[in-house]
Each structure stands twice: as structure tokens, then as C-alpha cells.
Protein backbone atom coordinates (compact mmCIF):
# COMPACT_ATOMS: atom_id res chain seq x y z
CA MET A 1 74.65 109.41 109.21
CA ASN A 2 72.01 109.34 111.72
CA ASP A 3 71.84 106.90 114.16
CA LYS A 4 68.16 105.76 113.67
CA ASN A 5 68.71 104.92 109.74
CA LYS A 6 71.72 102.72 110.41
CA LYS A 7 71.39 99.38 109.61
CA ILE A 8 70.89 96.44 112.39
CA LYS A 9 73.71 94.01 111.20
CA PRO A 10 72.00 89.96 110.78
CA GLY A 11 72.28 88.32 114.71
CA TYR A 12 71.39 91.83 116.29
CA LYS A 13 68.57 93.36 117.82
CA LYS A 14 68.24 97.14 119.22
CA THR A 15 67.39 97.32 123.06
CA GLU A 16 66.97 100.13 125.23
CA ILE A 17 70.73 100.12 126.38
CA GLY A 18 71.83 99.87 122.48
CA VAL A 19 72.50 96.94 119.92
CA ILE A 20 73.35 93.56 120.97
CA PRO A 21 73.16 89.83 119.82
CA GLU A 22 69.67 88.73 119.62
CA GLU A 23 70.12 85.61 122.34
CA TRP A 24 70.80 88.20 124.34
CA LYS A 25 68.27 89.48 126.84
CA VAL A 26 68.42 93.41 129.10
CA GLU A 27 68.13 92.83 132.70
CA SER A 28 68.40 95.18 135.70
CA ILE A 29 70.87 94.00 138.24
CA GLY A 30 68.07 93.86 140.27
CA SER A 31 66.94 90.78 138.80
CA VAL A 32 70.53 88.98 138.54
CA ALA A 33 71.80 89.79 141.72
CA SER A 34 71.23 90.31 145.47
CA VAL A 35 71.96 93.74 146.57
CA ILE A 36 73.32 94.09 150.13
CA GLY A 37 74.61 96.24 152.40
CA GLY A 38 77.33 96.95 155.03
CA GLY A 39 77.65 97.85 158.39
CA THR A 40 80.05 99.08 161.16
CA PRO A 41 79.95 97.56 164.58
CA SER A 42 79.96 100.18 167.70
CA THR A 43 83.88 101.01 167.90
CA SER A 44 83.42 101.64 171.26
CA ASN A 45 82.76 97.64 171.85
CA SER A 46 85.90 95.95 172.35
CA LYS A 47 84.11 92.75 172.10
CA TYR A 48 82.73 93.47 168.66
CA TRP A 49 86.54 93.57 167.63
CA ASN A 50 89.13 91.63 167.00
CA GLY A 51 87.64 88.27 166.05
CA PHE A 52 87.51 86.21 162.69
CA ILE A 53 85.22 87.20 160.35
CA ASN A 54 86.88 89.66 157.68
CA TRP A 55 85.18 93.29 157.40
CA PHE A 56 86.61 94.91 154.68
CA THR A 57 86.54 98.91 153.62
CA PRO A 58 86.71 100.55 150.63
CA THR A 59 90.04 101.31 150.46
CA GLU A 60 91.07 98.01 150.27
CA ILE A 61 89.23 97.48 146.86
CA GLY A 62 90.20 97.91 143.39
CA ILE A 63 93.75 96.43 143.32
CA ASN A 64 93.17 93.04 143.17
CA LYS A 65 90.42 91.18 141.68
CA TYR A 66 90.33 88.18 144.51
CA VAL A 67 90.39 89.36 148.36
CA TYR A 68 89.97 87.05 150.78
CA LYS A 69 91.53 88.92 153.84
CA SER A 70 90.98 92.31 155.62
CA GLU A 71 93.18 94.83 157.93
CA ARG A 72 90.44 94.93 160.18
CA LYS A 73 87.93 91.52 161.31
CA ILE A 74 84.95 91.29 163.73
CA THR A 75 83.57 88.77 166.15
CA GLU A 76 80.39 87.22 165.79
CA GLU A 77 79.02 89.18 168.20
CA GLY A 78 80.03 92.13 166.59
CA LEU A 79 78.31 90.98 163.27
CA LYS A 80 74.93 90.36 165.09
CA ASN A 81 74.75 93.67 166.82
CA SER A 82 75.41 95.92 163.84
CA SER A 83 74.06 95.84 159.96
CA ALA A 84 76.96 94.18 158.54
CA ARG A 85 75.80 91.34 156.80
CA LEU A 86 78.01 87.58 156.44
CA LEU A 87 78.41 87.41 152.68
CA PRO A 88 79.24 83.99 151.18
CA LYS A 89 82.12 83.03 149.00
CA GLY A 90 82.17 84.65 145.16
CA THR A 91 79.70 87.62 146.13
CA ILE A 92 80.85 91.05 144.45
CA LEU A 93 81.57 93.72 146.19
CA LEU A 94 81.37 97.03 145.24
CA THR A 95 82.09 100.28 146.47
CA SER A 96 79.02 102.53 146.52
CA ARG A 97 79.94 105.48 148.20
CA ALA A 98 83.92 107.60 148.37
CA GLY A 99 85.06 106.46 144.97
CA ILE A 100 81.86 104.55 143.47
CA GLY A 101 82.19 101.56 141.11
CA ASP A 102 85.79 99.77 143.23
CA LEU A 103 85.38 95.86 142.20
CA ALA A 104 86.37 92.85 144.29
CA ILE A 105 85.39 88.89 144.42
CA LEU A 106 85.50 87.76 147.81
CA ASN A 107 87.27 84.38 147.94
CA LYS A 108 86.24 84.02 151.69
CA GLU A 109 83.03 84.20 154.11
CA SER A 110 83.30 88.28 155.07
CA SER A 111 81.63 91.23 155.77
CA THR A 112 81.73 95.03 154.92
CA ASN A 113 80.94 98.48 156.52
CA GLN A 114 78.21 100.58 154.66
CA GLY A 115 80.37 102.15 151.60
CA PHE A 116 78.95 98.89 150.17
CA GLN A 117 76.45 97.11 148.06
CA SER A 118 77.64 93.90 147.52
CA LEU A 119 76.12 91.76 144.92
CA ILE A 120 75.48 87.72 145.52
CA VAL A 121 74.61 86.78 141.62
CA LYS A 122 71.71 84.28 141.18
CA ASP A 123 71.14 81.03 138.73
CA LYS A 124 70.74 83.39 135.85
CA ILE A 125 74.66 85.45 135.85
CA PHE A 126 77.84 84.28 136.39
CA ASN A 127 79.85 86.22 139.37
CA GLU A 128 82.87 86.61 137.02
CA PHE A 129 81.18 87.97 134.14
CA LEU A 130 79.28 90.53 135.73
CA TYR A 131 82.06 91.41 137.68
CA TYR A 132 83.66 92.81 134.21
CA LEU A 133 80.36 93.85 132.82
CA LEU A 134 80.32 96.37 136.05
CA SER A 135 84.26 97.31 135.61
CA ILE A 136 83.44 98.89 132.38
CA SER A 137 80.49 100.47 133.88
CA LYS A 138 81.67 103.31 136.14
CA ASN A 139 80.37 106.21 134.41
CA LEU A 140 77.08 104.70 134.77
CA LEU A 141 77.23 103.80 137.94
CA LEU A 142 78.29 107.56 138.97
CA GLU A 143 75.26 108.46 137.15
CA LYS A 144 72.92 106.49 138.99
CA ALA A 145 74.85 108.22 142.16
CA SER A 146 73.26 111.64 144.32
CA GLY A 147 73.99 113.31 147.56
CA SER A 148 75.16 116.62 148.44
CA THR A 149 77.57 115.73 150.75
CA PHE A 150 79.11 112.99 148.95
CA LEU A 151 78.09 110.87 146.09
CA GLU A 152 76.27 107.85 147.21
CA ILE A 153 74.75 105.12 144.90
CA SER A 154 71.65 103.24 146.73
CA PRO A 155 70.63 100.02 146.51
CA ASN A 156 67.44 100.67 144.59
CA ASN A 157 69.23 102.64 141.93
CA LEU A 158 71.51 100.17 141.52
CA LYS A 159 69.38 97.14 141.40
CA SER A 160 67.58 99.32 138.24
CA ILE A 161 70.29 99.19 135.99
CA GLN A 162 70.07 97.23 132.75
CA ILE A 163 72.71 95.43 131.70
CA PRO A 164 73.18 93.23 128.57
CA LEU A 165 72.78 89.03 129.74
CA PRO A 166 74.12 86.53 127.24
CA PRO A 167 73.71 83.32 128.10
CA LEU A 168 75.46 81.48 130.90
CA PRO A 169 77.59 79.61 128.59
CA GLU A 170 78.35 82.77 126.64
CA GLN A 171 78.90 84.68 130.04
CA THR A 172 81.20 81.85 131.40
CA ALA A 173 83.58 81.88 127.98
CA ILE A 174 83.82 85.97 128.06
CA ALA A 175 84.85 85.68 131.51
CA THR A 176 87.40 83.05 130.86
CA VAL A 177 89.15 84.87 127.83
CA LEU A 178 89.23 87.89 130.41
CA SER A 179 90.43 85.91 133.41
CA ASP A 180 93.30 84.60 131.38
CA THR A 181 94.17 87.94 130.19
CA ASP A 182 94.49 88.86 134.04
CA ARG A 183 96.61 86.25 134.53
CA LEU A 184 99.03 87.37 131.99
CA ILE A 185 99.10 90.78 133.19
CA ARG A 186 99.63 89.83 137.13
CA ALA A 187 102.77 87.40 135.47
CA LEU A 188 104.10 90.25 133.95
CA GLU A 189 103.66 92.65 136.80
CA LYS A 190 105.46 90.03 139.16
CA GLN A 191 108.06 89.31 136.51
CA ILE A 192 108.51 93.42 136.42
CA ALA A 193 108.75 93.85 140.32
CA LYS A 194 111.33 91.06 140.80
CA LYS A 195 113.45 92.16 138.40
CA ARG A 196 112.91 96.06 139.99
CA LEU A 197 113.93 94.30 143.51
CA ILE A 198 117.25 92.83 141.69
CA LYS A 199 118.26 96.18 140.32
CA GLN A 200 117.43 97.71 143.11
CA GLY A 201 120.35 94.70 145.37
CA ALA A 202 122.46 95.27 141.97
CA MET A 203 122.25 99.20 142.86
CA GLN A 204 123.01 98.42 146.33
CA GLU A 205 126.47 96.61 145.75
CA LEU A 206 127.69 98.30 142.74
CA LEU A 207 126.98 101.84 144.03
CA LYS A 208 128.55 101.16 147.55
CA PRO A 209 131.75 103.05 147.96
CA LYS A 210 134.57 101.30 147.52
CA ALA A 211 138.44 101.74 148.29
CA GLY A 212 139.93 104.49 146.15
CA TRP A 213 136.46 106.22 145.22
CA GLU A 214 137.13 110.03 145.27
CA VAL A 215 134.22 112.48 147.03
CA LYS A 216 133.22 115.38 145.23
CA SER A 217 130.40 117.88 145.75
CA LEU A 218 127.54 118.22 143.00
CA PHE A 219 129.02 121.58 142.84
CA GLU A 220 132.56 120.57 142.19
CA LEU A 221 131.33 117.82 139.27
CA ALA A 222 129.80 121.73 138.07
CA GLU A 223 133.38 122.77 137.77
CA PHE A 224 132.01 125.49 140.86
CA LYS A 225 130.43 126.96 137.19
CA LYS A 226 126.33 128.22 137.61
CA GLN A 227 125.98 128.03 134.42
CA LEU A 228 126.35 124.22 134.76
CA PHE A 229 124.15 123.90 137.51
CA ASP A 230 122.02 125.94 137.73
CA ASP A 231 118.01 126.50 138.39
CA GLY A 232 115.13 126.67 136.13
CA ASP A 233 113.03 129.85 134.71
CA TRP A 234 110.29 131.30 137.65
CA ILE A 235 107.13 131.23 135.27
CA GLU A 236 103.94 132.56 136.65
CA SER A 237 100.59 131.70 135.15
CA GLU A 238 100.30 134.48 133.02
CA HIS A 239 103.13 133.65 131.00
CA ILE A 240 101.80 129.61 130.65
CA THR A 241 99.42 128.34 127.69
CA THR A 242 98.76 125.51 125.10
CA GLN A 243 101.45 126.07 122.60
CA GLY A 244 104.77 127.74 122.18
CA ILE A 245 107.64 126.96 124.59
CA ARG A 246 107.44 123.52 125.83
CA LEU A 247 107.55 123.58 129.85
CA ILE A 248 108.85 120.83 132.01
CA GLN A 249 107.17 121.00 135.65
CA THR A 250 108.27 118.97 138.57
CA GLY A 251 105.77 116.29 138.07
CA ASN A 252 107.56 115.19 134.90
CA ILE A 253 110.63 114.20 136.69
CA GLY A 254 110.44 110.63 138.58
CA VAL A 255 113.13 108.54 140.46
CA GLY A 256 115.72 108.06 137.52
CA LYS A 257 113.07 108.70 135.04
CA TYR A 258 111.39 111.06 133.08
CA VAL A 259 107.51 110.98 132.83
CA GLU A 260 106.03 112.30 130.29
CA LYS A 261 102.19 113.70 131.24
CA ASP A 262 98.85 114.54 129.36
CA ASN A 263 98.33 117.85 130.14
CA LYS A 264 101.35 119.36 128.61
CA LYS A 265 102.34 123.09 129.52
CA TYR A 266 103.67 125.74 127.42
CA ILE A 267 105.02 129.48 127.68
CA TYR A 268 104.67 132.11 125.02
CA PRO A 269 107.57 132.30 122.97
CA GLU A 270 107.19 136.30 123.91
CA SER A 271 107.74 134.77 127.31
CA PHE A 272 110.73 132.92 126.49
CA LEU A 273 112.22 136.11 125.33
CA LYS A 274 111.18 138.23 127.93
CA LEU A 275 112.35 136.13 130.70
CA ASN A 276 115.50 135.33 128.58
CA CYS A 277 114.67 131.49 129.72
CA LYS A 278 116.91 128.64 129.83
CA VAL A 279 116.81 125.91 127.21
CA LEU A 280 117.18 122.51 128.13
CA ARG A 281 119.83 120.36 125.73
CA LYS A 282 119.34 116.40 125.73
CA GLY A 283 120.91 114.65 128.30
CA ASP A 284 120.71 117.45 131.15
CA LEU A 285 120.47 116.10 134.53
CA LEU A 286 117.26 117.26 136.20
CA ILE A 287 117.14 117.70 139.65
CA CYS A 288 113.69 118.29 141.50
CA ARG A 289 114.03 120.67 144.23
CA LEU A 290 110.56 120.37 145.39
CA ALA A 291 109.07 116.79 147.71
CA GLU A 292 108.11 114.55 147.26
CA PRO A 293 110.57 113.37 147.23
CA ALA A 294 113.20 116.11 146.70
CA GLY A 295 116.02 115.06 145.11
CA ARG A 296 114.32 112.93 142.39
CA ALA A 297 116.60 113.30 139.44
CA CYS A 298 115.98 111.99 135.61
CA ILE A 299 117.72 112.55 132.69
CA PHE A 300 116.29 114.49 130.26
CA PRO A 301 115.32 112.76 126.81
CA ASP A 302 114.58 114.10 123.38
CA ILE A 303 110.71 114.55 123.19
CA ASN A 304 110.46 116.14 119.97
CA GLU A 305 110.21 120.05 121.05
CA THR A 306 111.87 122.40 119.34
CA LYS A 307 112.70 124.06 122.35
CA VAL A 308 112.04 123.44 126.24
CA ILE A 309 112.76 124.86 129.38
CA THR A 310 112.01 124.32 133.42
CA SER A 311 110.93 125.32 136.47
CA VAL A 312 112.58 127.13 138.79
CA ASP A 313 112.52 124.27 141.48
CA VAL A 314 113.96 122.02 139.41
CA THR A 315 118.06 122.72 138.91
CA ILE A 316 119.71 121.30 135.72
CA PHE A 317 123.07 120.03 136.13
CA ARG A 318 125.51 119.84 133.31
CA PRO A 319 128.51 117.75 135.15
CA ASN A 320 131.74 117.70 132.87
CA ARG A 321 131.81 114.28 130.96
CA GLU A 322 135.15 113.45 131.22
CA ILE A 323 134.76 112.67 134.89
CA SER A 324 131.16 111.90 135.43
CA ASN A 325 128.89 109.73 133.70
CA ARG A 326 125.39 110.94 133.95
CA ILE A 327 123.76 107.84 134.32
CA PHE A 328 125.77 106.77 136.80
CA LEU A 329 124.75 109.92 138.50
CA LYS A 330 121.33 108.96 138.02
CA ASN A 331 121.60 105.86 139.52
CA VAL A 332 123.31 107.34 142.72
CA PHE A 333 120.31 110.12 142.50
CA SER A 334 117.88 106.72 143.36
CA THR A 335 119.06 105.21 146.15
CA ASN A 336 117.98 105.54 149.90
CA ASP A 337 121.17 107.06 150.92
CA TRP A 338 121.22 110.29 148.52
CA PHE A 339 117.62 111.11 149.61
CA VAL A 340 118.35 110.40 153.29
CA LYS A 341 120.98 113.43 152.01
CA VAL A 342 118.59 115.59 150.74
CA TYR A 343 116.06 115.44 153.50
CA GLU A 344 119.00 116.62 156.08
CA SER A 345 119.28 119.70 154.03
CA VAL A 346 115.57 120.31 153.26
CA GLY A 347 113.60 123.36 154.30
CA GLY A 348 110.53 124.87 154.31
CA THR A 349 107.46 124.50 155.98
CA THR A 350 104.68 124.30 153.44
CA HIS A 351 106.39 123.52 150.78
CA LYS A 352 109.38 121.38 151.80
CA ARG A 353 112.54 121.93 149.32
CA ILE A 354 116.42 121.92 149.51
CA SER A 355 117.93 125.36 148.35
CA ARG A 356 120.19 125.09 144.93
CA GLY A 357 122.87 125.85 147.26
CA SER A 358 122.23 123.29 149.57
CA LEU A 359 121.96 121.16 146.89
CA GLY A 360 125.08 121.68 145.09
CA LYS A 361 126.98 120.90 148.73
CA ILE A 362 126.00 117.57 149.26
CA LYS A 363 129.02 115.03 148.33
CA ILE A 364 128.82 111.85 146.78
CA SER A 365 131.84 108.82 146.50
CA LEU A 366 132.81 108.07 142.72
CA PRO A 367 134.75 105.96 140.94
CA THR A 368 137.16 106.41 137.86
CA ILE A 369 135.02 107.18 134.86
CA SER A 370 135.48 104.07 133.14
CA GLU A 371 134.27 102.38 136.49
CA GLN A 372 131.27 104.79 136.18
CA THR A 373 130.73 103.69 132.57
CA ARG A 374 130.84 100.26 132.92
CA ILE A 375 128.46 100.12 136.60
CA ALA A 376 126.50 103.11 134.41
CA THR A 377 125.86 99.91 131.41
CA ILE A 378 124.92 97.48 133.97
CA LEU A 379 121.73 99.67 135.17
CA SER A 380 121.18 100.75 131.76
CA ASP A 381 120.81 96.98 130.66
CA MET A 382 118.59 96.45 133.36
CA ASP A 383 116.12 99.04 133.06
CA SER A 384 116.13 98.40 129.34
CA GLY A 385 114.59 94.67 130.29
CA ILE A 386 112.59 96.61 133.06
CA GLU A 387 110.87 98.96 130.11
CA ALA A 388 110.58 96.31 127.46
CA LEU A 389 108.11 94.42 130.21
CA GLU A 390 106.42 97.65 130.87
CA LYS A 391 105.84 98.20 127.50
CA LYS A 392 104.41 94.79 126.85
CA LEU A 393 102.38 95.06 130.04
CA GLU A 394 101.15 98.49 128.88
CA LYS A 395 100.38 96.82 125.53
CA TYR A 396 98.34 93.97 127.30
CA ARG A 397 96.19 96.28 129.80
CA GLN A 398 95.24 98.00 126.42
CA ILE A 399 94.02 95.00 124.75
CA LYS A 400 92.48 94.07 127.96
CA GLN A 401 90.15 97.21 127.41
CA GLY A 402 89.49 96.12 123.55
CA MET A 403 88.41 92.78 124.41
CA MET A 404 86.29 93.75 127.28
CA GLN A 405 84.33 96.62 125.53
CA ASN A 406 83.82 94.20 122.22
CA LEU A 407 83.00 91.17 124.15
CA LEU A 408 80.95 92.23 127.02
CA THR A 409 78.63 94.50 124.78
CA GLY A 410 78.81 91.05 122.06
CA LYS A 411 80.47 93.09 119.37
CA ILE A 412 82.63 90.21 119.14
CA ARG A 413 81.28 86.66 119.81
CA LEU A 414 83.22 83.65 121.43
CA VAL A 415 80.34 81.54 120.81
């Protein structure tokens, strides 16, 4: 059905920015907030720097909702002798160049450099509501940007942007729900970070060589057989396509985990036969020889593909399961000690990598297979707990995105 013929639901109206609730208005950003730029005091005058006034740059914005402490600070004299302005607590910092649309709310009086168009809200709008509204409006901000050397959004273009404006009580209700969701997300992030630190400590203790542990090279664990310690295939661009035989690349190998990517790569079946490619098996240890960091490894999981190959910068390691536990090895290959050993053997100027020969010579310490399995079980249980929290976190983030799209456009009402 043509959009023009769509029936508008009762209680809603059509406006220049789309269908919104009848009680909502359409306002420009310039009518609901003052737009203030920033500036940089002369860096050659020491009297302007190392004072007590926060001075934010765009690289400090976008991670946390609230900011209160900048990396560099300026003096009162620096503020007076530049175009920087002292912005009140509650100001929304919006990056206007070199990454347009990153946001934060000031928790303390501060200033910024010229990479911002900051918003001091007026009485008709709640600053947290505007913060969330702008956070789903990056594409609109980019459309309003211009420039030949780099894109930048001007104060006038920012002021001209039209936004939906609910009554103040509804703004507050929307912002409160989204803030509560943010708190849940932050709590989960902290919990995950804590469990990662606990696992890191457990790894340091459990994987530390003990009396009686054997020292073996990786190639020795592969029984000195190339077919058990071999590189992937040399796949050039003419072989790559969008369907066929799945190609695992270096970017799919994280530190201790397999990382699936959206832009999956494949090779032609004809190329697979012509190049006589090696087929990966579930449970293979994949060690990336290319930085960064070289030596990172994962266990190849079942990714629901008929045939899978990998690239030449990945070593396929199939140690004898009777003498080595692959989960134990994966964790060894995630330690700082391991990366130091790899780094000592890395070569190359443009692309840092370790050769398969040098990789195979690296020696590690191993306990008995039963002790390896015990350690692997403990660390796997920790990984499972972290992965469960990460899935929960991703679910919460998706829920928040859906809530923002619905609440900030009036599709779902809270009042």
C-alpha cells in the first residue's frame, strides 16, 4: 500500500518528520537548546594549560553517558583567551567533526575544543530525553554535515534539525525507562569485567608450570608431522566469492575464541579443487601467525558449513589428544607468557608475522593429560559463565535499541 493511503491510527498525526502522537509537537533543535561551540587556547602559552577547568576532545566522548573528568585541563586565563566556553553541568556534548554525533552529558562545569557543538537545553526539553533522541539520529546528523577536507556539522545546520517533542512529563518518563535500562547494561558490563579478571587470575595460577610438568615444542605435540601442524591455503582475490566453500580468515580468530563476522568470505568450488585446499575439522586449533597479536588462537567450532578452509597465515594444529587437551592449549595460547614467546620470534617489517617453523619451535609446559583436563574444565566453566552474561548483555542492548526506536518516536506510549 502507498504510504499516502495508509490510515493514521487514532491519537496520531502526520507531520513533516513522520507520524507522531497528537499531543507531541515538532520543534527545531535551535528552539529547544542553545548551541555552543568550543575552542583551543594557544598551546605555546603554558599559562593557558594544566589548570582546573575540564577541556574535552572528541576522542573522550561516546563511551560513557556522563563525563566529569577530561584528560587535559585549561586555566581561567586559557578560557578567557580562546573561543572555548564554560559549559554548565547537564550540557550535552555533541561531536561535530571527526566522528559526528558522539554524545555525553556533563556532570561538571567544563569546556571543549572546537570539535563540538554542545547543547544547553531550555525549559521545554529534558536533557536526557534529547540525549537519547540524538543517539538514534546519527544518520540525520551526517546528512546535515558538509565539507571537502572532512565532514562537519555547522551550528546553523544543527539548529535547523526538526525533532519530535512530547510533553515534559512524557519526556521524563521515556528518559527514566532508558536510563534504568542503561543501569542494567552497565551492571552487566561490570559483572563481565569482574569475571574476566577472576578468570585471568585463575589462568595465571592454574597454567603456571609446576614440578613434574613436561616441556614440549608445538611441533613435538604434533608428533613432528606436517599434516598435524600445517598452514591454511594461499587464497588470492580471484578465488574469493560470496558463496561456495567457506573461507576462515585471520579476523575470525580472536584471543581464545572464534569470532564470526557479517562479511563472510567463500571460494569457488573449482578453486577448492584446483588449489587442493585443506578442509578444517571441528576441534582444530587455529593459530594466527599474523599480528595483532600474532599467536592468538581458537578452537574451530561447528559453524554449519559443509566445507571450510582457512588462509595461509593461519596454522592448523592437531595435537595428539592422548597427550594434550586442546582447551588447555587454547588457554595457554591466551596468556601473556605465550604472546611474549611469540613476539620474540616475530619477523617482517610491513606485516609482522611469525613463521610456522618458528611457531613450531616454541616450547610450553604441560602436566599430565588428566591434570590438563581438570584445568581445562575449570576454565571452560568460567568461560561458559562469561559467555552466558555476554549473551544476556547483547539481549539487553537489543531490547534497549528497540525501546529507543519505539519510545522516542511515540510508537509506544508511557503516559
